[in-house]
Amino acid sequence: MPETPIDVELAWACDGEVRVEALRVEAGSTIAQALAVAVAAGLPIDLCGSAVSVFGRPRPQGFVLTAGDRVELTGSLRVDPKIARRQRASHRRAGRERERSLKTG
């Protein structure tokens, strides 16, 4: 007896916005199979260099999906989080020093 299809979502960034599309895949489908369905449907997704997660948790391409899962394609980080934090802290520190010099000046 054939299994009934399940509905999952595919989310990815496209032109500065997040797109979310519903996909219908066979029960027991993997992430790789769901992405193949998306490509076959003509969705403008870029699989090169994309990490894949389900509800924000990294998952391998062979992860079996269940009904209602949201598959997310995420690109690589543009800035190392440690460097970004140092830059923010430095910027805040410089702002506080400017405020102090204006009060005392």
PDB file of N, CA and C in Angstrom:
ATOM      1  N   MET A   1       0.845  -1.187   0.000  1.00  0.00           N
ATOM      2  CA  MET A   1       0.000   0.000   0.000  1.00  0.00           C
ATOM      3  C   MET A   1       0.884   1.242   0.000  1.00  0.00           C
ATOM      4  N   PRO A   2       0.704   2.171  -0.955  1.00  0.00           N
ATOM      5  CA  PRO A   2       1.554   3.359  -1.007  1.00  0.00           C
ATOM      6  C   PRO A   2       1.292   4.276   0.183  1.00  0.00           C
ATOM      7  N   GLU A   3       2.390   4.888   0.645  1.00  0.00           N
ATOM      8  CA  GLU A   3       2.266   5.816   1.758  1.00  0.00           C
ATOM      9  C   GLU A   3       1.695   7.144   1.264  1.00  0.00           C
ATOM     10  N   THR A   4       0.996   7.832   2.142  1.00  0.00           N
ATOM     11  CA  THR A   4       0.404   9.110   1.757  1.00  0.00           C
ATOM     12  C   THR A   4       1.482  10.188   1.777  1.00  0.00           C
ATOM     13  N   PRO A   5       1.359  11.177   0.921  1.00  0.00           N
ATOM     14  CA  PRO A   5       2.335  12.277   0.926  1.00  0.00           C
ATOM     15  C   PRO A   5       2.210  13.112   2.197  1.00  0.00           C
ATOM     16  N   ILE A   6       3.287  13.779   2.532  1.00  0.00           N
ATOM     17  CA  ILE A   6       3.286  14.690   3.675  1.00  0.00           C
ATOM     18  C   ILE A   6       3.635  16.088   3.185  1.00  0.00           C
ATOM     19  N   ASP A   7       3.232  17.085   3.947  1.00  0.00           N
ATOM     20  CA  ASP A   7       3.553  18.469   3.628  1.00  0.00           C
ATOM     21  C   ASP A   7       4.684  18.944   4.525  1.00  0.00           C
ATOM     22  N   VAL A   8       5.696  19.555   3.901  1.00  0.00           N
ATOM     23  CA  VAL A   8       6.808  20.169   4.615  1.00  0.00           C
ATOM     24  C   VAL A   8       6.995  21.572   4.040  1.00  0.00           C
ATOM     25  N   GLU A   9       7.762  22.388   4.722  1.00  0.00           N
ATOM     26  CA  GLU A   9       8.076  23.727   4.227  1.00  0.00           C
ATOM     27  C   GLU A   9       9.555  23.807   3.890  1.00  0.00           C
ATOM     28  N   LEU A  10       9.864  24.631   2.921  1.00  0.00           N
ATOM     29  CA  LEU A  10      11.246  24.922   2.559  1.00  0.00           C
ATOM     30  C   LEU A  10      11.429  26.420   2.708  1.00  0.00           C
ATOM     31  N   ALA A  11      12.412  26.830   3.491  1.00  0.00           N
ATOM     32  CA  ALA A  11      12.678  28.248   3.720  1.00  0.00           C
ATOM     33  C   ALA A  11      14.107  28.560   3.297  1.00  0.00           C
ATOM     34  N   TRP A  12      14.299  29.705   2.606  1.00  0.00           N
ATOM     35  CA  TRP A  12      15.622  30.126   2.172  1.00  0.00           C
ATOM     36  C   TRP A  12      15.611  31.620   1.909  1.00  0.00           C
ATOM     37  N   ALA A  13      16.791  32.212   1.897  1.00  0.00           N
ATOM     38  CA  ALA A  13      16.927  33.640   1.611  1.00  0.00           C
ATOM     39  C   ALA A  13      17.037  33.834   0.106  1.00  0.00           C
ATOM     40  N   CYS A  14      16.275  34.813  -0.387  1.00  0.00           N
ATOM     41  CA  CYS A  14      16.279  35.107  -1.819  1.00  0.00           C
ATOM     42  C   CYS A  14      16.070  36.606  -1.990  1.00  0.00           C
ATOM     43  N   ASP A  15      17.027  37.271  -2.605  1.00  0.00           N
ATOM     44  CA  ASP A  15      16.937  38.713  -2.849  1.00  0.00           C
ATOM     45  C   ASP A  15      16.680  39.504  -1.568  1.00  0.00           C
ATOM     46  N   GLY A  16      17.363  39.148  -0.498  1.00  0.00           N
ATOM     47  CA  GLY A  16      17.258  39.885   0.751  1.00  0.00           C
ATOM     48  C   GLY A  16      16.011  39.581   1.559  1.00  0.00           C
ATOM     49  N   GLU A  17      15.200  38.649   1.122  1.00  0.00           N
ATOM     50  CA  GLU A  17      13.995  38.276   1.849  1.00  0.00           C
ATOM     51  C   GLU A  17      14.019  36.782   2.111  1.00  0.00           C
ATOM     52  N   VAL A  18      13.242  36.370   3.078  1.00  0.00           N
ATOM     53  CA  VAL A  18      13.114  34.944   3.350  1.00  0.00           C
ATOM     54  C   VAL A  18      11.872  34.444   2.627  1.00  0.00           C
ATOM     55  N   ARG A  19      12.066  33.422   1.831  1.00  0.00           N
ATOM     56  CA  ARG A  19      10.937  32.798   1.126  1.00  0.00           C
ATOM     57  C   ARG A  19      10.618  31.476   1.796  1.00  0.00           C
ATOM     58  N   VAL A  20       9.352  31.192   1.900  1.00  0.00           N
ATOM     59  CA  VAL A  20       8.892  29.924   2.459  1.00  0.00           C
ATOM     60  C   VAL A  20       7.893  29.338   1.475  1.00  0.00           C
ATOM     61  N   GLU A  21       8.152  28.114   1.064  1.00  0.00           N
ATOM     62  CA  GLU A  21       7.273  27.433   0.107  1.00  0.00           C
ATOM     63  C   GLU A  21       6.848  26.092   0.686  1.00  0.00           C
ATOM     64  N   ALA A  22       5.619  25.722   0.446  1.00  0.00           N
ATOM     65  CA  ALA A  22       5.122  24.416   0.861  1.00  0.00           C
ATOM     66  C   ALA A  22       5.519  23.373  -0.179  1.00  0.00           C
ATOM     67  N   LEU A  23       5.924  22.223   0.292  1.00  0.00           N
ATOM     68  CA  LEU A  23       6.276  21.108  -0.586  1.00  0.00           C
ATOM     69  C   LEU A  23       5.482  19.890  -0.160  1.00  0.00           C
ATOM     70  N   ARG A  24       5.063  19.108  -1.110  1.00  0.00           N
ATOM     71  CA  ARG A  24       4.424  17.826  -0.816  1.00  0.00           C
ATOM     72  C   ARG A  24       5.392  16.747  -1.282  1.00  0.00           C
ATOM     73  N   VAL A  25       5.816  15.923  -0.333  1.00  0.00           N
ATOM     74  CA  VAL A  25       6.767  14.843  -0.623  1.00  0.00           C
ATOM     75  C   VAL A  25       6.196  13.530  -0.099  1.00  0.00           C
ATOM     76  N   GLU A  26       6.752  12.443  -0.576  1.00  0.00           N
ATOM     77  CA  GLU A  26       6.315  11.129  -0.105  1.00  0.00           C
ATOM     78  C   GLU A  26       6.733  10.946   1.349  1.00  0.00           C
ATOM     79  N   ALA A  27       5.904  10.288   2.129  1.00  0.00           N
ATOM     80  CA  ALA A  27       6.263   9.965   3.510  1.00  0.00           C
ATOM     81  C   ALA A  27       7.565   9.168   3.486  1.00  0.00           C
ATOM     82  N   GLY A  28       8.456   9.470   4.415  1.00  0.00           N
ATOM     83  CA  GLY A  28       9.743   8.786   4.468  1.00  0.00           C
ATOM     84  C   GLY A  28      10.808   9.437   3.604  1.00  0.00           C
ATOM     85  N   SER A  29      10.491  10.590   2.984  1.00  0.00           N
ATOM     86  CA  SER A  29      11.474  11.286   2.144  1.00  0.00           C
ATOM     87  C   SER A  29      12.567  11.919   3.000  1.00  0.00           C
ATOM     88  N   THR A  30      13.742  11.987   2.426  1.00  0.00           N
ATOM     89  CA  THR A  30      14.871  12.637   3.094  1.00  0.00           C
ATOM     90  C   THR A  30      14.944  14.095   2.670  1.00  0.00           C
ATOM     91  N   ILE A  31      15.814  14.830   3.323  1.00  0.00           N
ATOM     92  CA  ILE A  31      16.031  16.228   2.949  1.00  0.00           C
ATOM     93  C   ILE A  31      16.483  16.306   1.495  1.00  0.00           C
ATOM     94  N   ALA A  32      17.403  15.436   1.103  1.00  0.00           N
ATOM     95  CA  ALA A  32      17.905  15.450  -0.281  1.00  0.00           C
ATOM     96  C   ALA A  32      16.772  15.235  -1.279  1.00  0.00           C
ATOM     97  N   GLN A  33      15.861  14.345  -0.964  1.00  0.00           N
ATOM     98  CA  GLN A  33      14.733  14.093  -1.862  1.00  0.00           C
ATOM     99  C   GLN A  33      13.787  15.293  -1.916  1.00  0.00           C
ATOM    100  N   ALA A  34      13.566  15.942  -0.782  1.00  0.00           N
ATOM    101  CA  ALA A  34      12.710  17.125  -0.758  1.00  0.00           C
ATOM    102  C   ALA A  34      13.338  18.256  -1.566  1.00  0.00           C
ATOM    103  N   LEU A  35      14.657  18.410  -1.473  1.00  0.00           N
ATOM    104  CA  LEU A  35      15.331  19.446  -2.262  1.00  0.00           C
ATOM    105  C   LEU A  35      15.242  19.134  -3.750  1.00  0.00           C
ATOM    106  N   ALA A  36      15.300  17.860  -4.105  1.00  0.00           N
ATOM    107  CA  ALA A  36      15.152  17.470  -5.510  1.00  0.00           C
ATOM    108  C   ALA A  36      13.753  17.815  -6.016  1.00  0.00           C
ATOM    109  N   VAL A  37      12.750  17.633  -5.168  1.00  0.00           N
ATOM    110  CA  VAL A  37      11.377  18.008  -5.531  1.00  0.00           C
ATOM    111  C   VAL A  37      11.289  19.517  -5.746  1.00  0.00           C
ATOM    112  N   ALA A  38      11.946  20.288  -4.884  1.00  0.00           N
ATOM    113  CA  ALA A  38      11.929  21.749  -5.004  1.00  0.00           C
ATOM    114  C   ALA A  38      12.589  22.213  -6.296  1.00  0.00           C
ATOM    115  N   VAL A  39      13.715  21.607  -6.630  1.00  0.00           N
ATOM    116  CA  VAL A  39      14.420  21.964  -7.865  1.00  0.00           C
ATOM    117  C   VAL A  39      13.558  21.589  -9.073  1.00  0.00           C
ATOM    118  N   ALA A  40      12.949  20.406  -9.032  1.00  0.00           N
ATOM    119  CA  ALA A  40      12.094  19.958 -10.136  1.00  0.00           C
ATOM    120  C   ALA A  40      10.879  20.871 -10.301  1.00  0.00           C
ATOM    121  N   ALA A  41      10.425  21.468  -9.199  1.00  0.00           N
ATOM    122  CA  ALA A  41       9.279  22.385  -9.248  1.00  0.00           C
ATOM    123  C   ALA A  41       9.686  23.773  -9.743  1.00  0.00           C
ATOM    124  N   GLY A  42      10.993  23.976  -9.943  1.00  0.00           N
ATOM    125  CA  GLY A  42      11.463  25.253 -10.464  1.00  0.00           C
ATOM    126  C   GLY A  42      11.666  26.334  -9.421  1.00  0.00           C
ATOM    127  N   LEU A  43      11.748  25.968  -8.155  1.00  0.00           N
ATOM    128  CA  LEU A  43      11.979  26.977  -7.119  1.00  0.00           C
ATOM    129  C   LEU A  43      13.405  27.505  -7.243  1.00  0.00           C
ATOM    130  N   PRO A  44      13.586  28.816  -7.115  1.00  0.00           N
ATOM    131  CA  PRO A  44      14.916  29.421  -7.304  1.00  0.00           C
ATOM    132  C   PRO A  44      15.810  29.271  -6.077  1.00  0.00           C
ATOM    133  N   ILE A  45      16.234  28.047  -5.797  1.00  0.00           N
ATOM    134  CA  ILE A  45      17.105  27.820  -4.648  1.00  0.00           C
ATOM    135  C   ILE A  45      18.517  27.543  -5.124  1.00  0.00           C
ATOM    136  N   ASP A  46      19.478  27.966  -4.308  1.00  0.00           N
ATOM    137  CA  ASP A  46      20.886  27.742  -4.610  1.00  0.00           C
ATOM    138  C   ASP A  46      21.424  26.760  -3.582  1.00  0.00           C
ATOM    139  N   LEU A  47      21.730  25.558  -4.027  1.00  0.00           N
ATOM    140  CA  LEU A  47      22.184  24.524  -3.114  1.00  0.00           C
ATOM    141  C   LEU A  47      23.687  24.565  -2.873  1.00  0.00           C
ATOM    142  N   CYS A  48      24.412  25.310  -3.680  1.00  0.00           N
ATOM    143  CA  CYS A  48      25.868  25.375  -3.540  1.00  0.00           C
ATOM    144  C   CYS A  48      26.241  26.145  -2.284  1.00  0.00           C
ATOM    145  N   GLY A  49      26.973  25.524  -1.405  1.00  0.00           N
ATOM    146  CA  GLY A  49      27.452  26.188  -0.206  1.00  0.00           C
ATOM    147  C   GLY A  49      26.389  26.406   0.851  1.00  0.00           C
ATOM    148  N   SER A  50      25.220  25.827   0.671  1.00  0.00           N
ATOM    149  CA  SER A  50      24.152  26.005   1.653  1.00  0.00           C
ATOM    150  C   SER A  50      24.226  24.917   2.708  1.00  0.00           C
ATOM    151  N   ALA A  51      24.054  25.325   3.948  1.00  0.00           N
ATOM    152  CA  ALA A  51      23.895  24.364   5.029  1.00  0.00           C
ATOM    153  C   ALA A  51      22.405  24.076   5.153  1.00  0.00           C
ATOM    154  N   VAL A  52      22.073  22.907   5.636  1.00  0.00           N
ATOM    155  CA  VAL A  52      20.666  22.518   5.736  1.00  0.00           C
ATOM    156  C   VAL A  52      20.339  22.235   7.193  1.00  0.00           C
ATOM    157  N   SER A  53      19.182  22.735   7.622  1.00  0.00           N
ATOM    158  CA  SER A  53      18.724  22.449   8.973  1.00  0.00           C
ATOM    159  C   SER A  53      17.219  22.208   8.946  1.00  0.00           C
ATOM    160  N   VAL A  54      16.721  21.624  10.010  1.00  0.00           N
ATOM    161  CA  VAL A  54      15.287  21.434  10.194  1.00  0.00           C
ATOM    162  C   VAL A  54      14.940  22.127  11.503  1.00  0.00           C
ATOM    163  N   PHE A  55      14.084  23.140  11.406  1.00  0.00           N
ATOM    164  CA  PHE A  55      13.727  23.970  12.559  1.00  0.00           C
ATOM    165  C   PHE A  55      14.975  24.479  13.285  1.00  0.00           C
ATOM    166  N   GLY A  56      15.969  24.926  12.513  1.00  0.00           N
ATOM    167  CA  GLY A  56      17.162  25.544  13.089  1.00  0.00           C
ATOM    168  C   GLY A  56      18.224  24.585  13.579  1.00  0.00           C
ATOM    169  N   ARG A  57      17.996  23.304  13.493  1.00  0.00           N
ATOM    170  CA  ARG A  57      18.999  22.328  13.925  1.00  0.00           C
ATOM    171  C   ARG A  57      19.645  21.700  12.693  1.00  0.00           C
ATOM    172  N   PRO A  58      20.978  21.797  12.594  1.00  0.00           N
ATOM    173  CA  PRO A  58      21.660  21.222  11.437  1.00  0.00           C
ATOM    174  C   PRO A  58      21.347  19.733  11.295  1.00  0.00           C
ATOM    175  N   ARG A  59      21.075  19.337  10.067  1.00  0.00           N
ATOM    176  CA  ARG A  59      20.741  17.939   9.784  1.00  0.00           C
ATOM    177  C   ARG A  59      21.460  17.499   8.514  1.00  0.00           C
ATOM    178  N   PRO A  60      21.797  16.210   8.418  1.00  0.00           N
ATOM    179  CA  PRO A  60      22.425  15.693   7.185  1.00  0.00           C
ATOM    180  C   PRO A  60      21.382  15.548   6.084  1.00  0.00           C
ATOM    181  N   GLN A  61      21.841  15.452   4.848  1.00  0.00           N
ATOM    182  CA  GLN A  61      20.948  15.320   3.699  1.00  0.00           C
ATOM    183  C   GLN A  61      20.078  14.060   3.785  1.00  0.00           C
ATOM    184  N   GLY A  62      20.533  13.054   4.505  1.00  0.00           N
ATOM    185  CA  GLY A  62      19.790  11.805   4.625  1.00  0.00           C
ATOM    186  C   GLY A  62      18.756  11.789   5.742  1.00  0.00           C
ATOM    187  N   PHE A  63      18.582  12.917   6.427  1.00  0.00           N
ATOM    188  CA  PHE A  63      17.613  13.003   7.521  1.00  0.00           C
ATOM    189  C   PHE A  63      16.205  12.788   6.970  1.00  0.00           C
ATOM    190  N   VAL A  64      15.428  11.910   7.600  1.00  0.00           N
ATOM    191  CA  VAL A  64      14.069  11.600   7.150  1.00  0.00           C
ATOM    192  C   VAL A  64      13.104  12.634   7.730  1.00  0.00           C
ATOM    193  N   LEU A  65      12.325  13.223   6.850  1.00  0.00           N
ATOM    194  CA  LEU A  65      11.386  14.280   7.236  1.00  0.00           C
ATOM    195  C   LEU A  65      10.066  13.707   7.731  1.00  0.00           C
ATOM    196  N   THR A  66       9.408  14.469   8.587  1.00  0.00           N
ATOM    197  CA  THR A  66       8.062  14.131   9.032  1.00  0.00           C
ATOM    198  C   THR A  66       7.137  15.279   8.660  1.00  0.00           C
ATOM    199  N   ALA A  67       5.856  15.028   8.679  1.00  0.00           N
ATOM    200  CA  ALA A  67       4.876  16.037   8.297  1.00  0.00           C
ATOM    201  C   ALA A  67       5.046  17.298   9.144  1.00  0.00           C
ATOM    202  N   GLY A  68       5.040  18.446   8.477  1.00  0.00           N
ATOM    203  CA  GLY A  68       5.133  19.724   9.167  1.00  0.00           C
ATOM    204  C   GLY A  68       6.543  20.238   9.377  1.00  0.00           C
ATOM    205  N   ASP A  69       7.566  19.448   9.025  1.00  0.00           N
ATOM    206  CA  ASP A  69       8.950  19.918   9.181  1.00  0.00           C
ATOM    207  C   ASP A  69       9.208  21.126   8.297  1.00  0.00           C
ATOM    208  N   ARG A  70      10.095  22.015   8.768  1.00  0.00           N
ATOM    209  CA  ARG A  70      10.533  23.156   7.971  1.00  0.00           C
ATOM    210  C   ARG A  70      12.022  22.975   7.671  1.00  0.00           C
ATOM    211  N   VAL A  71      12.335  22.761   6.409  1.00  0.00           N
ATOM    212  CA  VAL A  71      13.713  22.604   5.958  1.00  0.00           C
ATOM    213  C   VAL A  71      14.238  24.002   5.644  1.00  0.00           C
ATOM    214  N   GLU A  72      15.377  24.356   6.233  1.00  0.00           N
ATOM    215  CA  GLU A  72      15.941  25.698   6.057  1.00  0.00           C
ATOM    216  C   GLU A  72      17.294  25.607   5.376  1.00  0.00           C
ATOM    217  N   LEU A  73      17.459  26.387   4.317  1.00  0.00           N
ATOM    218  CA  LEU A  73      18.754  26.503   3.639  1.00  0.00           C
ATOM    219  C   LEU A  73      19.408  27.771   4.146  1.00  0.00           C
ATOM    220  N   THR A  74      20.594  27.643   4.676  1.00  0.00           N
ATOM    221  CA  THR A  74      21.297  28.811   5.204  1.00  0.00           C
ATOM    222  C   THR A  74      22.649  28.922   4.542  1.00  0.00           C
ATOM    223  N   GLY A  75      23.029  30.133   4.237  1.00  0.00           N
ATOM    224  CA  GLY A  75      24.334  30.372   3.641  1.00  0.00           C
ATOM    225  C   GLY A  75      25.410  30.390   4.712  1.00  0.00           C
ATOM    226  N   SER A  76      26.630  30.501   4.277  1.00  0.00           N
ATOM    227  CA  SER A  76      27.729  30.565   5.231  1.00  0.00           C
ATOM    228  C   SER A  76      27.755  31.948   5.887  1.00  0.00           C
ATOM    229  N   LEU A  77      28.375  32.013   7.060  1.00  0.00           N
ATOM    230  CA  LEU A  77      28.476  33.285   7.778  1.00  0.00           C
ATOM    231  C   LEU A  77      29.388  34.237   7.019  1.00  0.00           C
ATOM    232  N   ARG A  78      29.011  35.502   6.978  1.00  0.00           N
ATOM    233  CA  ARG A  78      29.828  36.490   6.276  1.00  0.00           C
ATOM    234  C   ARG A  78      30.930  37.042   7.163  1.00  0.00           C
ATOM    235  N   VAL A  79      30.695  37.058   8.468  1.00  0.00           N
ATOM    236  CA  VAL A  79      31.679  37.552   9.429  1.00  0.00           C
ATOM    237  C   VAL A  79      31.745  36.556  10.576  1.00  0.00           C
ATOM    238  N   ASP A  80      32.957  36.280  11.025  1.00  0.00           N
ATOM    239  CA  ASP A  80      33.134  35.408  12.176  1.00  0.00           C
ATOM    240  C   ASP A  80      32.428  36.044  13.377  1.00  0.00           C
ATOM    241  N   PRO A  81      31.572  35.307  14.093  1.00  0.00           N
ATOM    242  CA  PRO A  81      30.832  35.878  15.218  1.00  0.00           C
ATOM    243  C   PRO A  81      31.722  36.493  16.292  1.00  0.00           C
ATOM    244  N   LYS A  82      32.900  35.918  16.529  1.00  0.00           N
ATOM    245  CA  LYS A  82      33.813  36.481  17.536  1.00  0.00           C
ATOM    246  C   LYS A  82      34.310  37.852  17.106  1.00  0.00           C
ATOM    247  N   ILE A  83      34.646  37.978  15.843  1.00  0.00           N
ATOM    248  CA  ILE A  83      35.129  39.272  15.322  1.00  0.00           C
ATOM    249  C   ILE A  83      34.009  40.303  15.370  1.00  0.00           C
ATOM    250  N   ALA A  84      32.804  39.917  14.979  1.00  0.00           N
ATOM    251  CA  ALA A  84      31.668  40.837  15.004  1.00  0.00           C
ATOM    252  C   ALA A  84      31.409  41.332  16.422  1.00  0.00           C
ATOM    253  N   ARG A  85      31.490  40.442  17.418  1.00  0.00           N
ATOM    254  CA  ARG A  85      31.266  40.848  18.808  1.00  0.00           C
ATOM    255  C   ARG A  85      32.342  41.833  19.261  1.00  0.00           C
ATOM    256  N   ARG A  86      33.594  41.571  18.918  1.00  0.00           N
ATOM    257  CA  ARG A  86      34.676  42.494  19.286  1.00  0.00           C
ATOM    258  C   ARG A  86      34.447  43.874  18.671  1.00  0.00           C
ATOM    259  N   GLN A  87      34.012  43.901  17.411  1.00  0.00           N
ATOM    260  CA  GLN A  87      33.770  45.179  16.742  1.00  0.00           C
ATOM    261  C   GLN A  87      32.631  45.941  17.418  1.00  0.00           C
ATOM    262  N   ARG A  88      31.552  45.244  17.776  1.00  0.00           N
ATOM    263  CA  ARG A  88      30.430  45.907  18.456  1.00  0.00           C
ATOM    264  C   ARG A  88      30.871  46.459  19.801  1.00  0.00           C
ATOM    265  N   ALA A  89      31.630  45.665  20.572  1.00  0.00           N
ATOM    266  CA  ALA A  89      32.099  46.100  21.887  1.00  0.00           C
ATOM    267  C   ALA A  89      33.015  47.314  21.755  1.00  0.00           C
ATOM    268  N   SER A  90      33.889  47.286  20.771  1.00  0.00           N
ATOM    269  CA  SER A  90      34.803  48.413  20.543  1.00  0.00           C
ATOM    270  C   SER A  90      34.029  49.673  20.171  1.00  0.00           C
ATOM    271  N   HIS A  91      33.025  49.519  19.353  1.00  0.00           N
ATOM    272  CA  HIS A  91      32.206  50.654  18.926  1.00  0.00           C
ATOM    273  C   HIS A  91      31.455  51.250  20.125  1.00  0.00           C
ATOM    274  N   ARG A  92      30.888  50.405  20.972  1.00  0.00           N
ATOM    275  CA  ARG A  92      30.176  50.893  22.167  1.00  0.00           C
ATOM    276  C   ARG A  92      31.148  51.585  23.119  1.00  0.00           C
ATOM    277  N   ARG A  93      32.321  51.006  23.303  1.00  0.00           N
ATOM    278  CA  ARG A  93      33.320  51.585  24.201  1.00  0.00           C
ATOM    279  C   ARG A  93      33.727  52.975  23.709  1.00  0.00           C
ATOM    280  N   ALA A  94      33.940  53.104  22.401  1.00  0.00           N
ATOM    281  CA  ALA A  94      34.316  54.405  21.829  1.00  0.00           C
ATOM    282  C   ALA A  94      33.185  55.418  22.029  1.00  0.00           C
ATOM    283  N   GLY A  95      31.939  54.991  21.904  1.00  0.00           N
ATOM    284  CA  GLY A  95      30.800  55.886  22.112  1.00  0.00           C
ATOM    285  C   GLY A  95      30.717  56.367  23.541  1.00  0.00           C
ATOM    286  N   ARG A  96      30.948  55.480  24.500  1.00  0.00           N
ATOM    287  CA  ARG A  96      30.924  55.886  25.916  1.00  0.00           C
ATOM    288  C   ARG A  96      32.051  56.859  26.207  1.00  0.00           C
ATOM    289  N   GLU A  97      33.230  56.642  25.631  1.00  0.00           N
ATOM    290  CA  GLU A  97      34.358  57.563  25.847  1.00  0.00           C
ATOM    291  C   GLU A  97      34.065  58.938  25.264  1.00  0.00           C
ATOM    292  N   ARG A  98      33.409  58.982  24.099  1.00  0.00           N
ATOM    293  CA  ARG A  98      33.027  60.279  23.509  1.00  0.00           C
ATOM    294  C   ARG A  98      32.043  61.010  24.410  1.00  0.00           C
ATOM    295  N   GLU A  99      31.068  60.292  24.960  1.00  0.00           N
ATOM    296  CA  GLU A  99      30.087  60.913  25.850  1.00  0.00           C
ATOM    297  C   GLU A  99      30.755  61.476  27.093  1.00  0.00           C
ATOM    298  N   ARG A 100      31.691  60.734  27.671  1.00  0.00           N
ATOM    299  CA  ARG A 100      32.410  61.207  28.858  1.00  0.00           C
ATOM    300  C   ARG A 100      33.221  62.470  28.534  1.00  0.00           C
ATOM    301  N   SER A 101      33.873  62.491  27.383  1.00  0.00           N
ATOM    302  CA  SER A 101      34.697  63.650  27.040  1.00  0.00           C
ATOM    303  C   SER A 101      33.814  64.878  26.774  1.00  0.00           C
ATOM    304  N   LEU A 102      32.616  64.692  26.250  1.00  0.00           N
ATOM    305  CA  LEU A 102      31.703  65.812  26.033  1.00  0.00           C
ATOM    306  C   LEU A 102      31.174  66.361  27.350  1.00  0.00           C
ATOM    307  N   LYS A 103      30.932  65.493  28.337  1.00  0.00           N
ATOM    308  CA  LYS A 103      30.438  65.927  29.642  1.00  0.00           C
ATOM    309  C   LYS A 103      31.498  66.688  30.412  1.00  0.00           C
ATOM    310  N   THR A 104      32.751  66.242  30.309  1.00  0.00           N
ATOM    311  CA  THR A 104      33.836  66.878  31.049  1.00  0.00           C
ATOM    312  C   THR A 104      34.455  68.032  30.283  1.00  0.00           C
ATOM    313  N   GLY A 105      34.229  68.071  28.983  1.00  0.00           N
ATOM    314  CA  GLY A 105      34.884  69.045  28.113  1.00  0.00           C
ATOM    315  C   GLY A 105      34.251  70.348  28.141  1.00  0.00           C
TER     316      GLY A 105
END
